[in-house]
Structures are given as C-alpha cells and as structure tokens.
C-alpha cells in the first residue's frame, strides 16, 4: 500500500523499492534525500537488536531511517505520508 503512494515521484522525489546496501535491504529508499523508510511487522518485536544494528549501519552510511509499523500503514496512511513529506523537506 505504501509503495503505491511513493512510486512515480508522487511526493516530489524518486523512491526505490527493496534497495540493497551491503548485507541489508531497505524497504524503500529516496536517493535524493538519503532517506530510508522501513516497514515493520510483528516479527520485528523479536529482533530489536537486529533492527538496531541495521539502523546503525544505515546511519554510518549517512542515511536517515524512519520506521513504521504495518498497522500504521493500514490505519493511518495519511499520517505516515505526512511524516515522510516532512522528512523530505
């Protein structure tokens, strides 16, 4: 659902989907703003250390990371889009 709102530069910036960086794959990536958008499901409750490691890796590469829960995407898409737009500005 989120990809449908990010693709084709609908927010004024190009996003890539499933972009790899080293050993990691970012859910969505905006090259112009070095912004990574991660979508977390319930499996992420049990892998907090791994997610922290990923975020640290991305940060050391100069990327900003924003995370949303699947439930946020499903229940508050406009709020998610508003936050992403704020990070793009």
PDB file of N, CA and C in Angstrom:
ATOM      1  N   UNK A   1       0.820  -1.205   0.000  1.00  0.00           N
ATOM      2  CA  UNK A   1       0.000   0.000   0.000  1.00  0.00           C
ATOM      3  C   UNK A   1       0.862   1.267   0.000  1.00  0.00           C
ATOM      4  N   UNK A   2       1.941   1.242   0.793  1.00  0.00           N
ATOM      5  CA  UNK A   2       2.788   2.430   0.842  1.00  0.00           C
ATOM      6  C   UNK A   2       3.494   2.659  -0.487  1.00  0.00           C
ATOM      7  N   UNK A   3       3.926   1.596  -1.135  1.00  0.00           N
ATOM      8  CA  UNK A   3       4.614   1.742  -2.410  1.00  0.00           C
ATOM      9  C   UNK A   3       3.726   2.460  -3.426  1.00  0.00           C
ATOM     10  N   UNK A   4       2.442   2.200  -3.381  1.00  0.00           N
ATOM     11  CA  UNK A   4       1.517   2.859  -4.309  1.00  0.00           C
ATOM     12  C   UNK A   4       1.532   4.377  -4.120  1.00  0.00           C
ATOM     13  N   UNK A   5       1.870   4.845  -2.919  1.00  0.00           N
ATOM     14  CA  UNK A   5       1.919   6.283  -2.644  1.00  0.00           C
ATOM     15  C   UNK A   5       3.303   6.894  -2.874  1.00  0.00           C
ATOM     16  N   UNK A   6       4.349   6.046  -2.865  1.00  0.00           N
ATOM     17  CA  UNK A   6       5.714   6.559  -3.027  1.00  0.00           C
ATOM     18  C   UNK A   6       6.191   6.522  -4.472  1.00  0.00           C
ATOM     19  N   UNK A   7       5.689   5.593  -5.240  1.00  0.00           N
ATOM     20  CA  UNK A   7       6.212   5.390  -6.596  1.00  0.00           C
ATOM     21  C   UNK A   7       5.843   6.535  -7.536  1.00  0.00           C
ATOM     22  N   UNK A   8       6.555   6.584  -8.626  1.00  0.00           N
ATOM     23  CA  UNK A   8       6.334   7.586  -9.681  1.00  0.00           C
ATOM     24  C   UNK A   8       6.432   9.024  -9.173  1.00  0.00           C
ATOM     25  N   UNK A   9       7.319   9.243  -8.205  1.00  0.00           N
ATOM     26  CA  UNK A   9       7.622  10.579  -7.690  1.00  0.00           C
ATOM     27  C   UNK A   9       6.380  11.349  -7.240  1.00  0.00           C
ATOM     28  N   UNK A  10       5.409  10.641  -6.679  1.00  0.00           N
ATOM     29  CA  UNK A  10       4.186  11.306  -6.227  1.00  0.00           C
ATOM     30  C   UNK A  10       4.436  12.302  -5.094  1.00  0.00           C
ATOM     31  N   UNK A  11       5.515  12.093  -4.343  1.00  0.00           N
ATOM     32  CA  UNK A  11       5.849  13.020  -3.254  1.00  0.00           C
ATOM     33  C   UNK A  11       6.928  14.015  -3.673  1.00  0.00           C
ATOM     34  N   UNK A  12       7.205  14.061  -4.966  1.00  0.00           N
ATOM     35  CA  UNK A  12       8.195  15.001  -5.485  1.00  0.00           C
ATOM     36  C   UNK A  12       9.615  14.468  -5.494  1.00  0.00           C
ATOM     37  N   UNK A  13       9.801  13.219  -5.097  1.00  0.00           N
ATOM     38  CA  UNK A  13      11.124  12.605  -5.066  1.00  0.00           C
ATOM     39  C   UNK A  13      11.005  11.148  -5.495  1.00  0.00           C
ATOM     40  N   UNK A  14      12.049  10.665  -6.129  1.00  0.00           N
ATOM     41  CA  UNK A  14      12.080   9.268  -6.562  1.00  0.00           C
ATOM     42  C   UNK A  14      12.388   8.358  -5.378  1.00  0.00           C
ATOM     43  N   UNK A  15      11.641   7.279  -5.276  1.00  0.00           N
ATOM     44  CA  UNK A  15      11.908   6.237  -4.288  1.00  0.00           C
ATOM     45  C   UNK A  15      12.223   4.946  -5.009  1.00  0.00           C
ATOM     46  N   UNK A  16      13.085   4.164  -4.414  1.00  0.00           N
ATOM     47  CA  UNK A  16      13.366   2.808  -4.889  1.00  0.00           C
ATOM     48  C   UNK A  16      12.794   1.837  -3.874  1.00  0.00           C
ATOM     49  N   UNK A  17      12.423   0.682  -4.353  1.00  0.00           N
ATOM     50  CA  UNK A  17      11.845  -0.345  -3.500  1.00  0.00           C
ATOM     51  C   UNK A  17      12.831  -1.501  -3.370  1.00  0.00           C
ATOM     52  N   UNK A  18      12.976  -2.042  -2.180  1.00  0.00           N
ATOM     53  CA  UNK A  18      13.854  -3.185  -1.917  1.00  0.00           C
ATOM     54  C   UNK A  18      15.266  -2.930  -2.445  1.00  0.00           C
ATOM     55  N   UNK A  19      15.885  -1.874  -1.940  1.00  0.00           N
ATOM     56  CA  UNK A  19      17.222  -1.477  -2.388  1.00  0.00           C
ATOM     57  C   UNK A  19      18.261  -2.034  -1.421  1.00  0.00           C
ATOM     58  N   UNK A  20      19.304  -2.667  -1.957  1.00  0.00           N
ATOM     59  CA  UNK A  20      20.307  -3.290  -1.090  1.00  0.00           C
ATOM     60  C   UNK A  20      21.461  -2.336  -0.792  1.00  0.00           C
ATOM     61  N   UNK A  21      21.919  -2.435   0.458  1.00  0.00           N
ATOM     62  CA  UNK A  21      23.078  -1.711   0.963  1.00  0.00           C
ATOM     63  C   UNK A  21      23.885  -2.718   1.756  1.00  0.00           C
ATOM     64  N   UNK A  22      25.044  -3.092   1.271  1.00  0.00           N
ATOM     65  CA  UNK A  22      25.833  -4.097   1.976  1.00  0.00           C
ATOM     66  C   UNK A  22      25.038  -5.378   2.146  1.00  0.00           C
ATOM     67  N   UNK A  23      24.933  -5.854   3.373  1.00  0.00           N
ATOM     68  CA  UNK A  23      24.191  -7.083   3.669  1.00  0.00           C
ATOM     69  C   UNK A  23      22.722  -6.831   3.965  1.00  0.00           C
ATOM     70  N   UNK A  24      22.272  -5.605   3.828  1.00  0.00           N
ATOM     71  CA  UNK A  24      20.912  -5.240   4.205  1.00  0.00           C
ATOM     72  C   UNK A  24      20.103  -4.795   2.992  1.00  0.00           C
ATOM     73  N   UNK A  25      18.801  -4.949   3.099  1.00  0.00           N
ATOM     74  CA  UNK A  25      17.886  -4.477   2.062  1.00  0.00           C
ATOM     75  C   UNK A  25      16.900  -3.520   2.715  1.00  0.00           C
ATOM     76  N   UNK A  26      16.872  -2.296   2.218  1.00  0.00           N
ATOM     77  CA  UNK A  26      15.928  -1.293   2.722  1.00  0.00           C
ATOM     78  C   UNK A  26      14.595  -1.474   2.008  1.00  0.00           C
ATOM     79  N   UNK A  27      13.510  -1.311   2.746  1.00  0.00           N
ATOM     80  CA  UNK A  27      12.187  -1.447   2.131  1.00  0.00           C
ATOM     81  C   UNK A  27      11.995  -0.392   1.044  1.00  0.00           C
ATOM     82  N   UNK A  28      12.234   0.870   1.395  1.00  0.00           N
ATOM     83  CA  UNK A  28      12.109   1.972   0.438  1.00  0.00           C
ATOM     84  C   UNK A  28      13.257   2.940   0.672  1.00  0.00           C
ATOM     85  N   UNK A  29      13.741   3.528  -0.420  1.00  0.00           N
ATOM     86  CA  UNK A  29      14.909   4.401  -0.338  1.00  0.00           C
ATOM     87  C   UNK A  29      14.736   5.575  -1.278  1.00  0.00           C
ATOM     88  N   UNK A  30      14.952   6.781  -0.759  1.00  0.00           N
ATOM     89  CA  UNK A  30      14.926   8.003  -1.565  1.00  0.00           C
ATOM     90  C   UNK A  30      16.369   8.488  -1.710  1.00  0.00           C
ATOM     91  N   UNK A  31      16.974   8.275  -2.888  1.00  0.00           N
ATOM     92  CA  UNK A  31      18.377   8.658  -3.077  1.00  0.00           C
ATOM     93  C   UNK A  31      18.643  10.150  -2.902  1.00  0.00           C
ATOM     94  N   UNK A  32      17.734  11.009  -3.379  1.00  0.00           N
ATOM     95  CA  UNK A  32      17.947  12.455  -3.294  1.00  0.00           C
ATOM     96  C   UNK A  32      18.105  12.940  -1.868  1.00  0.00           C
ATOM     97  N   UNK A  33      17.361  12.356  -0.958  1.00  0.00           N
ATOM     98  CA  UNK A  33      17.347  12.807   0.432  1.00  0.00           C
ATOM     99  C   UNK A  33      18.028  11.832   1.381  1.00  0.00           C
ATOM    100  N   UNK A  34      18.578  10.743   0.832  1.00  0.00           N
ATOM    101  CA  UNK A  34      19.249   9.718   1.649  1.00  0.00           C
ATOM    102  C   UNK A  34      18.347   9.271   2.800  1.00  0.00           C
ATOM    103  N   UNK A  35      17.087   9.042   2.445  1.00  0.00           N
ATOM    104  CA  UNK A  35      16.075   8.636   3.418  1.00  0.00           C
ATOM    105  C   UNK A  35      15.670   7.191   3.163  1.00  0.00           C
ATOM    106  N   UNK A  36      15.691   6.393   4.211  1.00  0.00           N
ATOM    107  CA  UNK A  36      15.247   5.003   4.144  1.00  0.00           C
ATOM    108  C   UNK A  36      13.968   4.888   4.954  1.00  0.00           C
ATOM    109  N   UNK A  37      12.961   4.272   4.353  1.00  0.00           N
ATOM    110  CA  UNK A  37      11.686   4.031   5.022  1.00  0.00           C
ATOM    111  C   UNK A  37      11.553   2.529   5.231  1.00  0.00           C
ATOM    112  N   UNK A  38      11.419   2.131   6.487  1.00  0.00           N
ATOM    113  CA  UNK A  38      11.293   0.721   6.844  1.00  0.00           C
ATOM    114  C   UNK A  38       9.887   0.450   7.360  1.00  0.00           C
ATOM    115  N   UNK A  39       9.326  -0.662   6.952  1.00  0.00           N
ATOM    116  CA  UNK A  39       8.014  -1.100   7.417  1.00  0.00           C
ATOM    117  C   UNK A  39       8.218  -2.347   8.265  1.00  0.00           C
ATOM    118  N   UNK A  40       7.749  -2.291   9.506  1.00  0.00           N
ATOM    119  CA  UNK A  40       7.964  -3.383  10.453  1.00  0.00           C
ATOM    120  C   UNK A  40       6.663  -4.110  10.761  1.00  0.00           C
ATOM    121  N   UNK A  41       6.728  -5.413  10.688  1.00  0.00           N
ATOM    122  CA  UNK A  41       5.612  -6.262  11.091  1.00  0.00           C
ATOM    123  C   UNK A  41       5.874  -6.833  12.467  1.00  0.00           C
ATOM    124  N   UNK A  42       5.006  -7.706  12.911  1.00  0.00           N
ATOM    125  CA  UNK A  42       5.112  -8.261  14.262  1.00  0.00           C
ATOM    126  C   UNK A  42       6.403  -9.045  14.482  1.00  0.00           C
ATOM    127  N   UNK A  43       7.014  -9.567  13.418  1.00  0.00           N
ATOM    128  CA  UNK A  43       8.260 -10.308  13.568  1.00  0.00           C
ATOM    129  C   UNK A  43       9.376  -9.425  14.119  1.00  0.00           C
ATOM    130  N   UNK A  44       9.246  -8.122  13.968  1.00  0.00           N
ATOM    131  CA  UNK A  44      10.275  -7.202  14.437  1.00  0.00           C
ATOM    132  C   UNK A  44      10.263  -7.043  15.952  1.00  0.00           C
ATOM    133  N   UNK A  45       9.203  -7.494  16.603  1.00  0.00           N
ATOM    134  CA  UNK A  45       9.159  -7.453  18.064  1.00  0.00           C
ATOM    135  C   UNK A  45      10.245  -8.331  18.668  1.00  0.00           C
ATOM    136  N   UNK A  46      10.603  -9.393  17.955  1.00  0.00           N
ATOM    137  CA  UNK A  46      11.599 -10.346  18.447  1.00  0.00           C
ATOM    138  C   UNK A  46      12.999 -10.106  17.900  1.00  0.00           C
ATOM    139  N   UNK A  47      13.181  -9.073  17.110  1.00  0.00           N
ATOM    140  CA  UNK A  47      14.503  -8.840  16.521  1.00  0.00           C
ATOM    141  C   UNK A  47      14.948  -7.394  16.686  1.00  0.00           C
ATOM    142  N   UNK A  48      14.722  -6.852  17.857  1.00  0.00           N
ATOM    143  CA  UNK A  48      15.082  -5.468  18.128  1.00  0.00           C
ATOM    144  C   UNK A  48      16.577  -5.215  17.950  1.00  0.00           C
ATOM    145  N   UNK A  49      17.416  -6.149  18.396  1.00  0.00           N
ATOM    146  CA  UNK A  49      18.872  -5.978  18.271  1.00  0.00           C
ATOM    147  C   UNK A  49      19.276  -5.918  16.798  1.00  0.00           C
ATOM    148  N   UNK A  50      18.691  -6.776  15.973  1.00  0.00           N
ATOM    149  CA  UNK A  50      18.998  -6.779  14.542  1.00  0.00           C
ATOM    150  C   UNK A  50      18.573  -5.466  13.891  1.00  0.00           C
ATOM    151  N   UNK A  51      17.378  -4.989  14.224  1.00  0.00           N
ATOM    152  CA  UNK A  51      16.899  -3.725  13.659  1.00  0.00           C
ATOM    153  C   UNK A  51      17.788  -2.559  14.087  1.00  0.00           C
ATOM    154  N   UNK A  52      18.238  -2.581  15.330  1.00  0.00           N
ATOM    155  CA  UNK A  52      19.146  -1.531  15.814  1.00  0.00           C
ATOM    156  C   UNK A  52      20.463  -1.574  15.045  1.00  0.00           C
ATOM    157  N   UNK A  53      20.962  -2.777  14.803  1.00  0.00           N
ATOM    158  CA  UNK A  53      22.198  -2.948  14.026  1.00  0.00           C
ATOM    159  C   UNK A  53      22.033  -2.401  12.608  1.00  0.00           C
ATOM    160  N   UNK A  54      20.906  -2.704  11.985  1.00  0.00           N
ATOM    161  CA  UNK A  54      20.624  -2.198  10.634  1.00  0.00           C
ATOM    162  C   UNK A  54      20.567  -0.679  10.615  1.00  0.00           C
ATOM    163  N   UNK A  55      19.838  -0.116  11.562  1.00  0.00           N
ATOM    164  CA  UNK A  55      19.686   1.335  11.618  1.00  0.00           C
ATOM    165  C   UNK A  55      21.031   2.004  11.855  1.00  0.00           C
ATOM    166  N   UNK A  56      21.849   1.420  12.711  1.00  0.00           N
ATOM    167  CA  UNK A  56      23.197   1.944  12.959  1.00  0.00           C
ATOM    168  C   UNK A  56      24.033   1.889  11.689  1.00  0.00           C
ATOM    169  N   UNK A  57      23.977   0.770  10.974  1.00  0.00           N
ATOM    170  CA  UNK A  57      24.708   0.634   9.708  1.00  0.00           C
ATOM    171  C   UNK A  57      24.274   1.716   8.729  1.00  0.00           C
ATOM    172  N   UNK A  58      22.969   1.877   8.546  1.00  0.00           N
ATOM    173  CA  UNK A  58      22.461   2.891   7.617  1.00  0.00           C
ATOM    174  C   UNK A  58      22.906   4.291   8.050  1.00  0.00           C
ATOM    175  N   UNK A  59      22.851   4.562   9.343  1.00  0.00           N
ATOM    176  CA  UNK A  59      23.263   5.868   9.850  1.00  0.00           C
ATOM    177  C   UNK A  59      24.724   6.162   9.577  1.00  0.00           C
ATOM    178  N   UNK A  60      25.580   5.157   9.740  1.00  0.00           N
ATOM    179  CA  UNK A  60      27.010   5.341   9.464  1.00  0.00           C
ATOM    180  C   UNK A  60      27.280   5.595   7.992  1.00  0.00           C
ATOM    181  N   UNK A  61      26.345   5.188   7.129  1.00  0.00           N
ATOM    182  CA  UNK A  61      26.480   5.440   5.699  1.00  0.00           C
ATOM    183  C   UNK A  61      25.900   6.808   5.315  1.00  0.00           C
ATOM    184  N   UNK A  62      25.364   7.526   6.293  1.00  0.00           N
ATOM    185  CA  UNK A  62      24.822   8.863   6.050  1.00  0.00           C
ATOM    186  C   UNK A  62      23.342   8.887   5.735  1.00  0.00           C
ATOM    187  N   UNK A  63      22.641   7.784   5.980  1.00  0.00           N
ATOM    188  CA  UNK A  63      21.211   7.715   5.702  1.00  0.00           C
ATOM    189  C   UNK A  63      20.400   8.013   6.958  1.00  0.00           C
ATOM    190  N   UNK A  64      19.246   8.608   6.758  1.00  0.00           N
ATOM    191  CA  UNK A  64      18.267   8.744   7.832  1.00  0.00           C
ATOM    192  C   UNK A  64      17.279   7.594   7.675  1.00  0.00           C
ATOM    193  N   UNK A  65      16.833   7.045   8.780  1.00  0.00           N
ATOM    194  CA  UNK A  65      15.902   5.916   8.752  1.00  0.00           C
ATOM    195  C   UNK A  65      14.655   6.288   9.520  1.00  0.00           C
ATOM    196  N   UNK A  66      13.509   6.031   8.903  1.00  0.00           N
ATOM    197  CA  UNK A  66      12.234   6.182   9.595  1.00  0.00           C
ATOM    198  C   UNK A  66      11.526   4.833   9.524  1.00  0.00           C
ATOM    199  N   UNK A  67      10.918   4.438  10.640  1.00  0.00           N
ATOM    200  CA  UNK A  67      10.242   3.139  10.720  1.00  0.00           C
ATOM    201  C   UNK A  67       8.766   3.344  11.024  1.00  0.00           C
ATOM    202  N   UNK A  68       7.970   2.524  10.376  1.00  0.00           N
ATOM    203  CA  UNK A  68       6.535   2.499  10.631  1.00  0.00           C
ATOM    204  C   UNK A  68       6.110   1.060  10.846  1.00  0.00           C
ATOM    205  N   UNK A  69       5.116   0.859  11.683  1.00  0.00           N
ATOM    206  CA  UNK A  69       4.526  -0.463  11.860  1.00  0.00           C
ATOM    207  C   UNK A  69       3.518  -0.710  10.752  1.00  0.00           C
ATOM    208  N   UNK A  70       3.359  -1.952  10.370  1.00  0.00           N
ATOM    209  CA  UNK A  70       2.341  -2.316   9.377  1.00  0.00           C
ATOM    210  C   UNK A  70       0.985  -1.740   9.760  1.00  0.00           C
ATOM    211  N   UNK A  71       0.665  -1.801  11.044  1.00  0.00           N
ATOM    212  CA  UNK A  71      -0.641  -1.307  11.494  1.00  0.00           C
ATOM    213  C   UNK A  71      -0.798   0.189  11.214  1.00  0.00           C
ATOM    214  N   UNK A  72       0.294   0.959  11.296  1.00  0.00           N
ATOM    215  CA  UNK A  72       0.227   2.388  10.957  1.00  0.00           C
ATOM    216  C   UNK A  72      -0.114   2.581   9.490  1.00  0.00           C
ATOM    217  N   UNK A  73       0.497   1.770   8.649  1.00  0.00           N
ATOM    218  CA  UNK A  73       0.230   1.857   7.212  1.00  0.00           C
ATOM    219  C   UNK A  73      -1.241   1.558   6.950  1.00  0.00           C
ATOM    220  N   UNK A  74      -1.764   0.566   7.637  1.00  0.00           N
ATOM    221  CA  UNK A  74      -3.147   0.142   7.419  1.00  0.00           C
ATOM    222  C   UNK A  74      -4.183   1.082   8.011  1.00  0.00           C
ATOM    223  N   UNK A  75      -3.842   1.764   9.096  1.00  0.00           N
ATOM    224  CA  UNK A  75      -4.858   2.571   9.782  1.00  0.00           C
ATOM    225  C   UNK A  75      -4.631   4.075   9.706  1.00  0.00           C
ATOM    226  N   UNK A  76      -3.425   4.506   9.338  1.00  0.00           N
ATOM    227  CA  UNK A  76      -3.121   5.940   9.334  1.00  0.00           C
ATOM    228  C   UNK A  76      -2.201   6.308   8.182  1.00  0.00           C
ATOM    229  N   UNK A  77      -2.571   5.907   6.986  1.00  0.00           N
ATOM    230  CA  UNK A  77      -1.722   6.160   5.820  1.00  0.00           C
ATOM    231  C   UNK A  77      -1.427   7.647   5.647  1.00  0.00           C
ATOM    232  N   UNK A  78      -2.413   8.501   5.847  1.00  0.00           N
ATOM    233  CA  UNK A  78      -2.186   9.934   5.647  1.00  0.00           C
ATOM    234  C   UNK A  78      -1.188  10.475   6.666  1.00  0.00           C
ATOM    235  N   UNK A  79      -1.226   9.986   7.874  1.00  0.00           N
ATOM    236  CA  UNK A  79      -0.248  10.394   8.883  1.00  0.00           C
ATOM    237  C   UNK A  79       1.154   9.944   8.519  1.00  0.00           C
ATOM    238  N   UNK A  80       1.272   8.726   7.985  1.00  0.00           N
ATOM    239  CA  UNK A  80       2.564   8.199   7.530  1.00  0.00           C
ATOM    240  C   UNK A  80       3.105   9.057   6.389  1.00  0.00           C
ATOM    241  N   UNK A  81       2.260   9.353   5.427  1.00  0.00           N
ATOM    242  CA  UNK A  81       2.685  10.160   4.272  1.00  0.00           C
ATOM    243  C   UNK A  81       3.092  11.564   4.738  1.00  0.00           C
ATOM    244  N   UNK A  82       2.342  12.130   5.658  1.00  0.00           N
ATOM    245  CA  UNK A  82       2.670  13.456   6.180  1.00  0.00           C
ATOM    246  C   UNK A  82       4.046  13.445   6.837  1.00  0.00           C
ATOM    247  N   UNK A  83       4.347  12.419   7.613  1.00  0.00           N
ATOM    248  CA  UNK A  83       5.657  12.326   8.262  1.00  0.00           C
ATOM    249  C   UNK A  83       6.771  12.179   7.224  1.00  0.00           C
ATOM    250  N   UNK A  84       6.549  11.363   6.211  1.00  0.00           N
ATOM    251  CA  UNK A  84       7.558  11.189   5.162  1.00  0.00           C
ATOM    252  C   UNK A  84       7.788  12.507   4.424  1.00  0.00           C
ATOM    253  N   UNK A  85       6.719  13.210   4.094  1.00  0.00           N
ATOM    254  CA  UNK A  85       6.856  14.509   3.412  1.00  0.00           C
ATOM    255  C   UNK A  85       7.676  15.457   4.270  1.00  0.00           C
ATOM    256  N   UNK A  86       7.420  15.477   5.581  1.00  0.00           N
ATOM    257  CA  UNK A  86       8.194  16.325   6.483  1.00  0.00           C
ATOM    258  C   UNK A  86       9.672  16.001   6.461  1.00  0.00           C
ATOM    259  N   UNK A  87      10.005  14.733   6.366  1.00  0.00           N
ATOM    260  CA  UNK A  87      11.406  14.322   6.311  1.00  0.00           C
ATOM    261  C   UNK A  87      12.048  14.631   4.965  1.00  0.00           C
ATOM    262  N   UNK A  88      11.248  14.732   3.933  1.00  0.00           N
ATOM    263  CA  UNK A  88      11.772  15.054   2.601  1.00  0.00           C
ATOM    264  C   UNK A  88      12.046  16.551   2.451  1.00  0.00           C
ATOM    265  N   UNK A  89      11.422  17.359   3.261  1.00  0.00           N
ATOM    266  CA  UNK A  89      11.583  18.820   3.141  1.00  0.00           C
ATOM    267  C   UNK A  89      12.837  19.311   3.815  1.00  0.00           C
TER     268      UNK A  89
END
